[in-house]
């Protein structure tokens, strides 16, 4: 597993969950205390997100970090085949 691929998978999971919860990038960014461009770059897989920020994002998405990682691994398998 390549770390860049995992970044993209985590980004897809974050984007899907954020959308499902009805947040725009801007409203989600405001809710978790970051800039909208940060959320966008994470969702595009352009950022290597720290554990601290992943925890903040997972909390904002109302999902355990372990669930986020498991969903990203499943996404990676789906996009890797």
Protein backbone atom coordinates (compact mmCIF):
# COMPACT_ATOMS: atom_id res chain seq x y z
CA UNK A 1 0.00 0.00 0.00
CA UNK A 2 1.37 3.35 -1.08
CA UNK A 3 0.92 6.28 1.33
CA UNK A 4 -0.22 8.61 -1.47
CA UNK A 5 -2.94 6.14 -2.44
CA UNK A 6 -4.05 5.96 1.20
CA UNK A 7 -4.15 9.77 1.40
CA UNK A 8 -6.47 9.82 -1.62
CA UNK A 9 -8.66 7.08 -0.13
CA UNK A 10 -8.94 8.89 3.19
CA UNK A 11 -9.83 12.03 1.27
CA UNK A 12 -12.62 10.24 -0.62
CA UNK A 13 -14.01 8.87 2.66
CA UNK A 14 -13.94 12.32 4.27
CA UNK A 15 -15.61 13.95 1.26
CA UNK A 16 -18.34 11.31 1.08
CA UNK A 17 -19.11 11.46 4.81
CA UNK A 18 -19.05 15.28 4.86
CA UNK A 19 -21.49 15.39 1.95
CA UNK A 20 -23.72 12.76 3.56
CA UNK A 21 -23.91 14.92 6.69
CA UNK A 22 -24.91 17.92 4.57
CA UNK A 23 -21.79 20.01 5.17
CA UNK A 24 -20.22 22.18 2.51
CA UNK A 25 -16.43 22.31 2.65
CA UNK A 26 -16.69 25.76 4.17
CA UNK A 27 -19.25 24.88 6.84
CA UNK A 28 -17.31 21.75 7.80
CA UNK A 29 -14.05 23.69 7.96
CA UNK A 30 -15.70 26.26 10.24
CA UNK A 31 -17.09 23.49 12.45
CA UNK A 32 -13.67 21.91 13.01
CA UNK A 33 -11.63 25.11 13.09
CA UNK A 34 -9.62 24.89 9.88
CA UNK A 35 -9.61 26.77 6.58
CA UNK A 36 -11.80 25.60 3.69
CA UNK A 37 -8.77 25.14 1.45
CA UNK A 38 -7.31 22.72 4.01
CA UNK A 39 -10.44 20.55 3.82
CA UNK A 40 -10.31 20.63 0.02
CA UNK A 41 -6.66 19.62 -0.12
CA UNK A 42 -7.26 16.77 2.35
CA UNK A 43 -10.22 15.53 0.31
CA UNK A 44 -8.12 15.58 -2.87
CA UNK A 45 -5.40 13.57 -1.13
CA UNK A 46 -2.87 16.37 -1.45
CA UNK A 47 -2.03 16.56 2.26
CA UNK A 48 -0.37 14.10 4.57
CA UNK A 49 -2.71 14.71 7.50
CA UNK A 50 -1.37 14.46 11.05
CA UNK A 51 -2.94 12.07 13.52
CA UNK A 52 -4.12 15.06 15.55
CA UNK A 53 -5.96 16.52 12.55
CA UNK A 54 -7.39 13.14 11.55
CA UNK A 55 -8.87 12.86 15.04
CA UNK A 56 -10.38 16.35 14.73
CA UNK A 57 -11.80 15.51 11.29
CA UNK A 58 -13.19 12.15 12.44
CA UNK A 59 -14.82 13.82 15.44
CA UNK A 60 -16.35 16.46 13.16
CA UNK A 61 -17.69 13.70 10.93
CA UNK A 62 -19.10 11.87 13.98
CA UNK A 63 -17.21 8.69 13.21
CA UNK A 64 -14.48 6.82 15.06
CA UNK A 65 -11.03 7.17 13.51
CA UNK A 66 -10.85 3.37 13.24
CA UNK A 67 -14.01 3.40 11.11
CA UNK A 68 -12.54 6.10 8.88
CA UNK A 69 -9.35 4.08 8.37
CA UNK A 70 -11.30 0.87 7.69
CA UNK A 71 -13.46 2.70 5.12
CA UNK A 72 -10.33 4.12 3.49
CA UNK A 73 -8.78 0.65 3.29
CA UNK A 74 -11.95 -0.69 1.66
CA UNK A 75 -11.95 2.27 -0.75
CA UNK A 76 -8.31 1.62 -1.56
CA UNK A 77 -9.03 -2.03 -2.39
CA UNK A 78 -11.93 -0.99 -4.61
CA UNK A 79 -9.87 1.62 -6.50
CA UNK A 80 -6.73 -0.54 -6.60
CA UNK A 81 -8.28 -3.47 -8.45
